[in-house]
PDB file of N, CA and C in Angstrom:
ATOM      1  N   UNK A   1      77.987 -58.849-140.320  1.00  0.00           N
ATOM      2  CA  UNK A   1      78.442 -59.337-141.606  1.00  0.00           C
ATOM      3  C   UNK A   1      78.981 -60.823-141.399  1.00  0.00           C
ATOM      4  N   UNK A   2      78.575 -61.651-142.338  1.00  0.00           N
ATOM      5  CA  UNK A   2      79.073 -63.061-142.368  1.00  0.00           C
ATOM      6  C   UNK A   2      79.903 -63.141-143.596  1.00  0.00           C
ATOM      7  N   UNK A   3      80.830 -64.179-143.450  1.00  0.00           N
ATOM      8  CA  UNK A   3      81.754 -64.429-144.618  1.00  0.00           C
ATOM      9  C   UNK A   3      81.785 -65.957-144.853  1.00  0.00           C
ATOM     10  N   UNK A   4      81.758 -66.316-146.136  1.00  0.00           N
ATOM     11  CA  UNK A   4      81.728 -67.709-146.520  1.00  0.00           C
ATOM     12  C   UNK A   4      82.901 -67.874-147.495  1.00  0.00           C
ATOM     13  N   UNK A   5      83.727 -68.908-147.403  1.00  0.00           N
ATOM     14  CA  UNK A   5      84.754 -69.228-148.303  1.00  0.00           C
ATOM     15  C   UNK A   5      84.597 -70.657-148.788  1.00  0.00           C
ATOM     16  N   UNK A   6      84.505 -70.789-150.063  1.00  0.00           N
ATOM     17  CA  UNK A   6      84.354 -72.192-150.635  1.00  0.00           C
ATOM     18  C   UNK A   6      85.555 -72.411-151.470  1.00  0.00           C
ATOM     19  N   UNK A   7      86.308 -73.490-151.277  1.00  0.00           N
ATOM     20  CA  UNK A   7      87.502 -73.856-152.006  1.00  0.00           C
ATOM     21  C   UNK A   7      87.155 -75.078-152.832  1.00  0.00           C
ATOM     22  N   UNK A   8      87.510 -75.001-154.089  1.00  0.00           N
ATOM     23  CA  UNK A   8      87.226 -76.172-155.065  1.00  0.00           C
ATOM     24  C   UNK A   8      88.513 -76.480-155.713  1.00  0.00           C
ATOM     25  N   UNK A   9      88.892 -77.782-155.550  1.00  0.00           N
ATOM     26  CA  UNK A   9      90.145 -78.266-156.123  1.00  0.00           C
ATOM     27  C   UNK A   9      90.205 -77.943-157.664  1.00  0.00           C
ATOM     28  N   UNK A  10      91.259 -77.357-158.029  1.00  0.00           N
ATOM     29  CA  UNK A  10      91.467 -77.059-159.465  1.00  0.00           C
ATOM     30  C   UNK A  10      90.828 -75.706-159.902  1.00  0.00           C
ATOM     31  N   UNK A  11      89.946 -75.229-159.174  1.00  0.00           N
ATOM     32  CA  UNK A  11      89.306 -73.886-159.511  1.00  0.00           C
ATOM     33  C   UNK A  11      89.630 -72.770-158.665  1.00  0.00           C
ATOM     34  N   UNK A  12      89.978 -73.062-157.473  1.00  0.00           N
ATOM     35  CA  UNK A  12      90.352 -71.876-156.510  1.00  0.00           C
ATOM     36  C   UNK A  12      89.332 -71.721-155.466  1.00  0.00           C
ATOM     37  N   UNK A  13      89.312 -70.457-154.922  1.00  0.00           N
ATOM     38  CA  UNK A  13      88.522 -70.093-153.756  1.00  0.00           C
ATOM     39  C   UNK A  13      87.426 -69.050-154.227  1.00  0.00           C
ATOM     40  N   UNK A  14      86.274 -69.201-153.696  1.00  0.00           N
ATOM     41  CA  UNK A  14      85.101 -68.382-153.947  1.00  0.00           C
ATOM     42  C   UNK A  14      84.665 -67.868-152.605  1.00  0.00           C
ATOM     43  N   UNK A  15      84.636 -66.562-152.424  1.00  0.00           N
ATOM     44  CA  UNK A  15      84.246 -66.015-151.103  1.00  0.00           C
ATOM     45  C   UNK A  15      83.144 -64.961-151.300  1.00  0.00           C
ATOM     46  N   UNK A  16      82.456 -64.768-150.207  1.00  0.00           N
ATOM     47  CA  UNK A  16      81.352 -63.748-150.193  1.00  0.00           C
ATOM     48  C   UNK A  16      81.142 -63.239-148.691  1.00  0.00           C
ATOM     49  N   UNK A  17      80.951 -61.969-148.556  1.00  0.00           N
ATOM     50  CA  UNK A  17      80.597 -61.321-147.334  1.00  0.00           C
ATOM     51  C   UNK A  17      79.190 -60.651-147.502  1.00  0.00           C
ATOM     52  N   UNK A  18      78.239 -61.183-146.735  1.00  0.00           N
ATOM     53  CA  UNK A  18      76.841 -60.710-146.836  1.00  0.00           C
ATOM     54  C   UNK A  18      76.280 -60.535-145.428  1.00  0.00           C
ATOM     55  N   UNK A  19      74.985 -60.331-145.412  1.00  0.00           N
ATOM     56  CA  UNK A  19      74.326 -60.040-144.157  1.00  0.00           C
ATOM     57  C   UNK A  19      74.126 -61.284-143.270  1.00  0.00           C
ATOM     58  N   UNK A  20      74.128 -62.468-143.900  1.00  0.00           N
ATOM     59  CA  UNK A  20      73.978 -63.778-143.240  1.00  0.00           C
ATOM     60  C   UNK A  20      74.613 -64.902-144.081  1.00  0.00           C
ATOM     61  N   UNK A  21      74.862 -65.992-143.486  1.00  0.00           N
ATOM     62  CA  UNK A  21      75.531 -67.103-144.255  1.00  0.00           C
ATOM     63  C   UNK A  21      74.676 -67.658-145.412  1.00  0.00           C
ATOM     64  N   UNK A  22      73.333 -67.673-145.315  1.00  0.00           N
ATOM     65  CA  UNK A  22      72.520 -68.162-146.395  1.00  0.00           C
ATOM     66  C   UNK A  22      72.766 -67.201-147.634  1.00  0.00           C
ATOM     67  N   UNK A  23      72.803 -65.893-147.336  1.00  0.00           N
ATOM     68  CA  UNK A  23      72.983 -64.952-148.502  1.00  0.00           C
ATOM     69  C   UNK A  23      74.428 -65.105-149.010  1.00  0.00           C
ATOM     70  N   UNK A  24      75.412 -65.393-148.171  1.00  0.00           N
ATOM     71  CA  UNK A  24      76.775 -65.700-148.689  1.00  0.00           C
ATOM     72  C   UNK A  24      76.710 -66.942-149.657  1.00  0.00           C
ATOM     73  N   UNK A  25      75.957 -67.916-149.227  1.00  0.00           N
ATOM     74  CA  UNK A  25      75.875 -69.171-150.077  1.00  0.00           C
ATOM     75  C   UNK A  25      75.233 -68.850-151.413  1.00  0.00           C
ATOM     76  N   UNK A  26      74.127 -68.044-151.360  1.00  0.00           N
ATOM     77  CA  UNK A  26      73.525 -67.603-152.642  1.00  0.00           C
ATOM     78  C   UNK A  26      74.487 -66.934-153.522  1.00  0.00           C
ATOM     79  N   UNK A  27      75.272 -65.996-152.930  1.00  0.00           N
ATOM     80  CA  UNK A  27      76.268 -65.234-153.782  1.00  0.00           C
ATOM     81  C   UNK A  27      77.271 -66.104-154.405  1.00  0.00           C
ATOM     82  N   UNK A  28      77.830 -67.048-153.644  1.00  0.00           N
ATOM     83  CA  UNK A  28      78.826 -67.992-154.207  1.00  0.00           C
ATOM     84  C   UNK A  28      78.174 -68.935-155.234  1.00  0.00           C
ATOM     85  N   UNK A  29      76.925 -69.362-154.975  1.00  0.00           N
ATOM     86  CA  UNK A  29      76.214 -70.224-155.969  1.00  0.00           C
ATOM     87  C   UNK A  29      76.044 -69.438-157.341  1.00  0.00           C
ATOM     88  N   UNK A  30      75.726 -68.204-157.233  1.00  0.00           N
ATOM     89  CA  UNK A  30      75.558 -67.489-158.423  1.00  0.00           C
ATOM     90  C   UNK A  30      76.787 -67.387-159.302  1.00  0.00           C
ATOM     91  N   UNK A  31      77.946 -67.449-158.696  1.00  0.00           N
ATOM     92  CA  UNK A  31      79.204 -67.465-159.456  1.00  0.00           C
ATOM     93  C   UNK A  31      79.563 -68.875-159.911  1.00  0.00           C
ATOM     94  N   UNK A  32      79.098 -69.870-159.209  1.00  0.00           N
ATOM     95  CA  UNK A  32      79.478 -71.236-159.524  1.00  0.00           C
ATOM     96  C   UNK A  32      78.503 -71.777-160.676  1.00  0.00           C
ATOM     97  N   UNK A  33      77.286 -71.316-160.570  1.00  0.00           N
ATOM     98  CA  UNK A  33      76.229 -71.971-161.558  1.00  0.00           C
ATOM     99  C   UNK A  33      76.712 -71.804-162.966  1.00  0.00           C
ATOM    100  N   UNK A  34      77.193 -70.727-163.511  1.00  0.00           N
ATOM    101  CA  UNK A  34      77.581 -70.626-164.916  1.00  0.00           C
ATOM    102  C   UNK A  34      78.746 -71.611-165.254  1.00  0.00           C
ATOM    103  N   UNK A  35      79.466 -72.054-164.239  1.00  0.00           N
ATOM    104  CA  UNK A  35      80.523 -73.096-164.429  1.00  0.00           C
ATOM    105  C   UNK A  35      79.996 -74.526-164.377  1.00  0.00           C
ATOM    106  N   UNK A  36      78.697 -74.676-164.111  1.00  0.00           N
ATOM    107  CA  UNK A  36      78.051 -75.990-163.999  1.00  0.00           C
ATOM    108  C   UNK A  36      78.289 -76.666-162.708  1.00  0.00           C
ATOM    109  N   UNK A  37      78.635 -75.927-161.649  1.00  0.00           N
ATOM    110  CA  UNK A  37      78.941 -76.437-160.331  1.00  0.00           C
ATOM    111  C   UNK A  37      77.745 -76.198-159.431  1.00  0.00           C
ATOM    112  N   UNK A  38      77.416 -77.193-158.718  1.00  0.00           N
ATOM    113  CA  UNK A  38      76.285 -77.129-157.783  1.00  0.00           C
ATOM    114  C   UNK A  38      76.829 -77.503-156.373  1.00  0.00           C
ATOM    115  N   UNK A  39      76.430 -76.813-155.347  1.00  0.00           N
ATOM    116  CA  UNK A  39      76.847 -77.193-153.952  1.00  0.00           C
ATOM    117  C   UNK A  39      75.747 -78.064-153.339  1.00  0.00           C
ATOM    118  N   UNK A  40      76.080 -79.211-153.005  1.00  0.00           N
ATOM    119  CA  UNK A  40      75.071 -80.157-152.546  1.00  0.00           C
ATOM    120  C   UNK A  40      74.869 -80.021-151.000  1.00  0.00           C
ATOM    121  N   UNK A  41      74.155 -78.976-150.650  1.00  0.00           N
ATOM    122  CA  UNK A  41      73.853 -78.793-149.164  1.00  0.00           C
ATOM    123  C   UNK A  41      72.317 -78.348-149.159  1.00  0.00           C
ATOM    124  N   UNK A  42      71.751 -78.445-147.940  1.00  0.00           N
ATOM    125  CA  UNK A  42      70.351 -78.035-147.770  1.00  0.00           C
ATOM    126  C   UNK A  42      70.064 -76.683-148.124  1.00  0.00           C
ATOM    127  N   UNK A  43      71.049 -75.771-148.057  1.00  0.00           N
ATOM    128  CA  UNK A  43      70.817 -74.355-148.368  1.00  0.00           C
ATOM    129  C   UNK A  43      70.703 -74.095-149.886  1.00  0.00           C
ATOM    130  N   UNK A  44      71.034 -75.153-150.680  1.00  0.00           N
ATOM    131  CA  UNK A  44      70.934 -75.097-152.156  1.00  0.00           C
ATOM    132  C   UNK A  44      69.766 -75.892-152.742  1.00  0.00           C
ATOM    133  N   UNK A  45      68.996 -76.513-151.848  1.00  0.00           N
ATOM    134  CA  UNK A  45      67.850 -77.266-152.251  1.00  0.00           C
ATOM    135  C   UNK A  45      66.819 -76.397-152.914  1.00  0.00           C
ATOM    136  N   UNK A  46      66.206 -76.871-153.914  1.00  0.00           N
ATOM    137  CA  UNK A  46      65.145 -76.097-154.668  1.00  0.00           C
ATOM    138  C   UNK A  46      64.038 -75.747-153.722  1.00  0.00           C
ATOM    139  N   UNK A  47      63.700 -76.688-152.771  1.00  0.00           N
ATOM    140  CA  UNK A  47      62.520 -76.415-151.916  1.00  0.00           C
ATOM    141  C   UNK A  47      62.841 -75.933-150.495  1.00  0.00           C
ATOM    142  N   UNK A  48      63.986 -75.411-150.298  1.00  0.00           N
ATOM    143  CA  UNK A  48      64.464 -74.911-148.961  1.00  0.00           C
ATOM    144  C   UNK A  48      64.694 -73.448-149.042  1.00  0.00           C
ATOM    145  N   UNK A  49      64.350 -72.744-147.905  1.00  0.00           N
ATOM    146  CA  UNK A  49      64.567 -71.361-147.735  1.00  0.00           C
ATOM    147  C   UNK A  49      64.521 -71.017-146.273  1.00  0.00           C
ATOM    148  N   UNK A  50      65.309 -70.092-145.808  1.00  0.00           N
ATOM    149  CA  UNK A  50      65.333 -69.774-144.351  1.00  0.00           C
ATOM    150  C   UNK A  50      64.120 -68.882-144.033  1.00  0.00           C
ATOM    151  N   UNK A  51      63.752 -68.855-142.726  1.00  0.00           N
ATOM    152  CA  UNK A  51      62.701 -67.906-142.325  1.00  0.00           C
ATOM    153  C   UNK A  51      63.427 -66.627-141.967  1.00  0.00           C
ATOM    154  N   UNK A  52      62.651 -65.569-141.933  1.00  0.00           N
ATOM    155  CA  UNK A  52      63.201 -64.283-141.603  1.00  0.00           C
ATOM    156  C   UNK A  52      63.792 -64.300-140.226  1.00  0.00           C
ATOM    157  N   UNK A  53      63.169 -64.986-139.264  1.00  0.00           N
ATOM    158  CA  UNK A  53      63.669 -64.992-137.922  1.00  0.00           C
ATOM    159  C   UNK A  53      64.997 -65.752-137.903  1.00  0.00           C
ATOM    160  N   UNK A  54      65.139 -66.874-138.655  1.00  0.00           N
ATOM    161  CA  UNK A  54      66.423 -67.519-138.715  1.00  0.00           C
ATOM    162  C   UNK A  54      67.470 -66.708-139.265  1.00  0.00           C
ATOM    163  N   UNK A  55      67.158 -65.910-140.223  1.00  0.00           N
ATOM    164  CA  UNK A  55      68.191 -65.058-140.879  1.00  0.00           C
ATOM    165  C   UNK A  55      68.549 -63.933-139.899  1.00  0.00           C
ATOM    166  N   UNK A  56      67.613 -63.348-139.208  1.00  0.00           N
ATOM    167  CA  UNK A  56      67.888 -62.270-138.317  1.00  0.00           C
ATOM    168  C   UNK A  56      68.639 -62.742-137.039  1.00  0.00           C
ATOM    169  N   UNK A  57      68.173 -63.873-136.409  1.00  0.00           N
ATOM    170  CA  UNK A  57      68.663 -64.287-135.171  1.00  0.00           C
ATOM    171  C   UNK A  57      69.674 -65.450-135.272  1.00  0.00           C
ATOM    172  N   UNK A  58      69.556 -66.165-136.336  1.00  0.00           N
ATOM    173  CA  UNK A  58      70.442 -67.358-136.492  1.00  0.00           C
ATOM    174  C   UNK A  58      71.511 -67.308-137.522  1.00  0.00           C
ATOM    175  N   UNK A  59      71.530 -66.098-138.167  1.00  0.00           N
ATOM    176  CA  UNK A  59      72.646 -65.928-139.176  1.00  0.00           C
ATOM    177  C   UNK A  59      72.524 -66.756-140.414  1.00  0.00           C
ATOM    178  N   UNK A  60      71.328 -67.303-140.664  1.00  0.00           N
ATOM    179  CA  UNK A  60      71.150 -68.053-141.865  1.00  0.00           C
ATOM    180  C   UNK A  60      71.754 -69.497-141.784  1.00  0.00           C
ATOM    181  N   UNK A  61      71.932 -70.035-140.591  1.00  0.00           N
ATOM    182  CA  UNK A  61      72.529 -71.330-140.394  1.00  0.00           C
ATOM    183  C   UNK A  61      71.498 -72.504-140.574  1.00  0.00           C
ATOM    184  N   UNK A  62      70.202 -72.084-140.628  1.00  0.00           N
ATOM    185  CA  UNK A  62      69.140 -73.135-140.835  1.00  0.00           C
ATOM    186  C   UNK A  62      68.203 -72.716-141.910  1.00  0.00           C
ATOM    187  N   UNK A  63      67.691 -73.648-142.595  1.00  0.00           N
ATOM    188  CA  UNK A  63      66.725 -73.420-143.664  1.00  0.00           C
ATOM    189  C   UNK A  63      65.528 -74.342-143.335  1.00  0.00           C
ATOM    190  N   UNK A  64      64.385 -74.076-143.958  1.00  0.00           N
ATOM    191  CA  UNK A  64      63.205 -74.829-143.743  1.00  0.00           C
ATOM    192  C   UNK A  64      62.839 -75.434-145.131  1.00  0.00           C
ATOM    193  N   UNK A  65      62.703 -76.840-145.213  1.00  0.00           N
ATOM    194  CA  UNK A  65      62.214 -77.451-146.396  1.00  0.00           C
ATOM    195  C   UNK A  65      60.722 -77.203-146.488  1.00  0.00           C
ATOM    196  N   UNK A  66      60.329 -76.626-147.576  1.00  0.00           N
ATOM    197  CA  UNK A  66      58.995 -76.101-147.738  1.00  0.00           C
ATOM    198  C   UNK A  66      58.196 -76.994-148.744  1.00  0.00           C
ATOM    199  N   UNK A  67      57.143 -77.558-148.202  1.00  0.00           N
ATOM    200  CA  UNK A  67      56.223 -78.384-149.061  1.00  0.00           C
ATOM    201  C   UNK A  67      55.068 -77.554-149.545  1.00  0.00           C
ATOM    202  N   UNK A  68      54.851 -77.619-150.854  1.00  0.00           N
ATOM    203  CA  UNK A  68      53.830 -76.846-151.424  1.00  0.00           C
ATOM    204  C   UNK A  68      52.501 -77.146-150.797  1.00  0.00           C
ATOM    205  N   UNK A  69      51.797 -76.051-150.388  1.00  0.00           N
ATOM    206  CA  UNK A  69      50.468 -76.142-149.828  1.00  0.00           C
ATOM    207  C   UNK A  69      50.350 -76.415-148.368  1.00  0.00           C
ATOM    208  N   UNK A  70      51.581 -76.367-147.668  1.00  0.00           N
ATOM    209  CA  UNK A  70      51.421 -76.654-146.243  1.00  0.00           C
ATOM    210  C   UNK A  70      52.541 -75.766-145.490  1.00  0.00           C
ATOM    211  N   UNK A  71      52.185 -75.283-144.362  1.00  0.00           N
ATOM    212  CA  UNK A  71      53.143 -74.478-143.539  1.00  0.00           C
ATOM    213  C   UNK A  71      54.232 -75.453-143.041  1.00  0.00           C
ATOM    214  N   UNK A  72      55.411 -74.799-142.731  1.00  0.00           N
ATOM    215  CA  UNK A  72      56.555 -75.560-142.248  1.00  0.00           C
ATOM    216  C   UNK A  72      56.377 -75.949-140.735  1.00  0.00           C
ATOM    217  N   UNK A  73      57.038 -76.948-140.344  1.00  0.00           N
ATOM    218  CA  UNK A  73      57.013 -77.412-138.890  1.00  0.00           C
ATOM    219  C   UNK A  73      58.431 -77.530-138.430  1.00  0.00           C
ATOM    220  N   UNK A  74      58.611 -77.808-137.190  1.00  0.00           N
ATOM    221  CA  UNK A  74      59.991 -77.967-136.611  1.00  0.00           C
ATOM    222  C   UNK A  74      60.656 -79.115-137.369  1.00  0.00           C
ATOM    223  N   UNK A  75      59.994 -80.076-137.827  1.00  0.00           N
ATOM    224  CA  UNK A  75      60.609 -81.232-138.489  1.00  0.00           C
ATOM    225  C   UNK A  75      61.171 -80.794-139.928  1.00  0.00           C
ATOM    226  N   UNK A  76      60.761 -79.636-140.430  1.00  0.00           N
ATOM    227  CA  UNK A  76      61.198 -79.207-141.704  1.00  0.00           C
ATOM    228  C   UNK A  76      62.559 -78.363-141.542  1.00  0.00           C
ATOM    229  N   UNK A  77      62.916 -78.066-140.385  1.00  0.00           N
ATOM    230  CA  UNK A  77      64.106 -77.218-140.182  1.00  0.00           C
ATOM    231  C   UNK A  77      65.417 -78.098-140.350  1.00  0.00           C
ATOM    232  N   UNK A  78      66.288 -77.632-141.234  1.00  0.00           N
ATOM    233  CA  UNK A  78      67.588 -78.357-141.524  1.00  0.00           C
ATOM    234  C   UNK A  78      68.785 -77.470-141.402  1.00  0.00           C
ATOM    235  N   UNK A  79      69.868 -78.020-141.201  1.00  0.00           N
ATOM    236  CA  UNK A  79      71.119 -77.205-141.169  1.00  0.00           C
ATOM    237  C   UNK A  79      71.436 -76.786-142.662  1.00  0.00           C
ATOM    238  N   UNK A  80      71.678 -75.488-142.833  1.00  0.00           N
ATOM    239  CA  UNK A  80      71.985 -74.986-144.139  1.00  0.00           C
ATOM    240  C   UNK A  80      73.103 -75.722-144.863  1.00  0.00           C
ATOM    241  N   UNK A  81      74.206 -76.000-144.182  1.00  0.00           N
ATOM    242  CA  UNK A  81      75.309 -76.568-144.897  1.00  0.00           C
ATOM    243  C   UNK A  81      75.473 -78.031-144.724  1.00  0.00           C
ATOM    244  N   UNK A  82      74.380 -78.745-144.183  1.00  0.00           N
ATOM    245  CA  UNK A  82      74.389 -80.197-144.152  1.00  0.00           C
ATOM    246  C   UNK A  82      74.212 -80.696-145.543  1.00  0.00           C
ATOM    247  N   UNK A  83      74.771 -81.957-145.752  1.00  0.00           N
ATOM    248  CA  UNK A  83      74.697 -82.481-147.170  1.00  0.00           C
ATOM    249  C   UNK A  83      73.273 -82.679-147.564  1.00  0.00           C
ATOM    250  N   UNK A  84      73.014 -82.549-148.922  1.00  0.00           N
ATOM    251  CA  UNK A  84      71.751 -82.811-149.528  1.00  0.00           C
ATOM    252  C   UNK A  84      71.946 -83.680-150.759  1.00  0.00           C
ATOM    253  N   UNK A  85      70.960 -84.392-151.126  1.00  0.00           N
ATOM    254  CA  UNK A  85      71.015 -85.183-152.374  1.00  0.00           C
ATOM    255  C   UNK A  85      71.072 -84.319-153.590  1.00  0.00           C
ATOM    256  N   UNK A  86      71.926 -84.634-154.527  1.00  0.00           N
ATOM    257  CA  UNK A  86      72.053 -83.855-155.749  1.00  0.00           C
ATOM    258  C   UNK A  86      70.775 -83.692-156.443  1.00  0.00           C
ATOM    259  N   UNK A  87      69.886 -84.596-156.449  1.00  0.00           N
ATOM    260  CA  UNK A  87      68.623 -84.542-157.096  1.00  0.00           C
ATOM    261  C   UNK A  87      67.722 -83.442-156.595  1.00  0.00           C
ATOM    262  N   UNK A  88      67.914 -83.065-155.288  1.00  0.00           N
ATOM    263  CA  UNK A  88      67.154 -81.993-154.682  1.00  0.00           C
ATOM    264  C   UNK A  88      67.667 -80.553-154.911  1.00  0.00           C
ATOM    265  N   UNK A  89      68.886 -80.444-155.511  1.00  0.00           N
ATOM    266  CA  UNK A  89      69.503 -79.176-155.635  1.00  0.00           C
ATOM    267  C   UNK A  89      68.986 -78.446-156.892  1.00  0.00           C
ATOM    268  N   UNK A  90      68.809 -77.142-156.795  1.00  0.00           N
ATOM    269  CA  UNK A  90      68.354 -76.334-157.875  1.00  0.00           C
ATOM    270  C   UNK A  90      69.244 -75.088-158.025  1.00  0.00           C
ATOM    271  N   UNK A  91      68.973 -74.259-159.044  1.00  0.00           N
ATOM    272  CA  UNK A  91      69.731 -73.053-159.163  1.00  0.00           C
ATOM    273  C   UNK A  91      69.130 -72.011-158.207  1.00  0.00           C
ATOM    274  N   UNK A  92      69.773 -70.891-158.021  1.00  0.00           N
ATOM    275  CA  UNK A  92      69.280 -69.876-157.160  1.00  0.00           C
ATOM    276  C   UNK A  92      67.896 -69.359-157.669  1.00  0.00           C
ATOM    277  N   UNK A  93      67.813 -69.290-159.024  1.00  0.00           N
ATOM    278  CA  UNK A  93      66.554 -68.818-159.563  1.00  0.00           C
ATOM    279  C   UNK A  93      65.398 -69.824-159.344  1.00  0.00           C
ATOM    280  N   UNK A  94      65.661 -71.117-159.485  1.00  0.00           N
ATOM    281  CA  UNK A  94      64.707 -72.077-159.186  1.00  0.00           C
ATOM    282  C   UNK A  94      64.232 -72.066-157.689  1.00  0.00           C
ATOM    283  N   UNK A  95      65.201 -71.851-156.849  1.00  0.00           N
ATOM    284  CA  UNK A  95      64.912 -71.858-155.361  1.00  0.00           C
ATOM    285  C   UNK A  95      64.088 -70.634-155.008  1.00  0.00           C
ATOM    286  N   UNK A  96      64.423 -69.436-155.585  1.00  0.00           N
ATOM    287  CA  UNK A  96      63.663 -68.248-155.361  1.00  0.00           C
ATOM    288  C   UNK A  96      62.257 -68.377-155.901  1.00  0.00           C
ATOM    289  N   UNK A  97      62.128 -68.881-157.094  1.00  0.00           N
ATOM    290  CA  UNK A  97      60.763 -69.147-157.718  1.00  0.00           C
ATOM    291  C   UNK A  97      59.918 -70.034-156.865  1.00  0.00           C
ATOM    292  N   UNK A  98      60.479 -71.200-156.427  1.00  0.00           N
ATOM    293  CA  UNK A  98      59.792 -72.091-155.598  1.00  0.00           C
ATOM    294  C   UNK A  98      59.240 -71.456-154.303  1.00  0.00           C
ATOM    295  N   UNK A  99      60.188 -70.687-153.698  1.00  0.00           N
ATOM    296  CA  UNK A  99      59.809 -70.044-152.400  1.00  0.00           C
ATOM    297  C   UNK A  99      58.608 -68.998-152.667  1.00  0.00           C
ATOM    298  N   UNK A 100      58.674 -68.234-153.776  1.00  0.00           N
ATOM    299  CA  UNK A 100      57.649 -67.335-154.055  1.00  0.00           C
ATOM    300  C   UNK A 100      56.355 -68.070-154.335  1.00  0.00           C
ATOM    301  N   UNK A 101      56.345 -69.152-155.043  1.00  0.00           N
ATOM    302  CA  UNK A 101      55.182 -69.981-155.307  1.00  0.00           C
ATOM    303  C   UNK A 101      54.657 -70.545-154.048  1.00  0.00           C
ATOM    304  N   UNK A 102      55.505 -71.004-153.166  1.00  0.00           N
ATOM    305  CA  UNK A 102      55.055 -71.585-151.890  1.00  0.00           C
ATOM    306  C   UNK A 102      54.319 -70.525-151.082  1.00  0.00           C
ATOM    307  N   UNK A 103      54.880 -69.296-151.008  1.00  0.00           N
ATOM    308  CA  UNK A 103      54.220 -68.164-150.302  1.00  0.00           C
ATOM    309  C   UNK A 103      52.854 -67.918-150.857  1.00  0.00           C
ATOM    310  N   UNK A 104      52.754 -67.751-152.149  1.00  0.00           N
ATOM    311  CA  UNK A 104      51.471 -67.523-152.815  1.00  0.00           C
ATOM    312  C   UNK A 104      50.388 -68.545-152.501  1.00  0.00           C
ATOM    313  N   UNK A 105      50.804 -69.842-152.633  1.00  0.00           N
ATOM    314  CA  UNK A 105      49.919 -70.940-152.380  1.00  0.00           C
ATOM    315  C   UNK A 105      49.470 -70.931-150.965  1.00  0.00           C
ATOM    316  N   UNK A 106      50.390 -70.773-150.020  1.00  0.00           N
ATOM    317  CA  UNK A 106      50.006 -70.696-148.641  1.00  0.00           C
ATOM    318  C   UNK A 106      49.018 -69.577-148.243  1.00  0.00           C
ATOM    319  N   UNK A 107      49.302 -68.355-148.866  1.00  0.00           N
ATOM    320  CA  UNK A 107      48.413 -67.217-148.653  1.00  0.00           C
ATOM    321  C   UNK A 107      47.032 -67.531-149.244  1.00  0.00           C
ATOM    322  N   UNK A 108      46.976 -68.164-150.321  1.00  0.00           N
ATOM    323  CA  UNK A 108      45.638 -68.400-150.902  1.00  0.00           C
ATOM    324  C   UNK A 108      44.805 -69.404-150.165  1.00  0.00           C
ATOM    325  N   UNK A 109      45.504 -70.190-149.270  1.00  0.00           N
ATOM    326  CA  UNK A 109      44.816 -71.217-148.498  1.00  0.00           C
ATOM    327  C   UNK A 109      44.250 -70.581-147.153  1.00  0.00           C
ATOM    328  N   UNK A 110      44.820 -69.426-146.796  1.00  0.00           N
ATOM    329  CA  UNK A 110      44.460 -68.780-145.459  1.00  0.00           C
ATOM    330  C   UNK A 110      43.024 -68.122-145.556  1.00  0.00           C
TER     331      UNK A 110
END
C-alpha cells in the first residue's frame, strides 16, 4: 500500500492510500478537481499514463508520455511527480479517455 499526502496552503491536507503512488495521485486529483485545483506534475498530464509493469514493480513512480498512433519508448518515460507545464495537465477523466483512445489506436495499427 502506498500513501500520498498533498498539503495546500489555505486548504489543508489531502491524503490517499492506494495500491501505488499513481493511483494515490488520481484519488487526490479527483478531490481537488471540483475545487478548480490541478497538480502540475507528469502524472497529471492528459497524455501520460503508467505501464502495468511500472505500477506493479515501480510503485507508480514513473509514467509514459503517450503519443497517439505510436508505441512508447524509453525516451517517453518520466517521473510521475516531476513538474509539468500547466497546459499539458488534464482532468482524471481526460487522462483516462486519452489512454483508452491511445490503446485503441495502437491496437488498430497492429
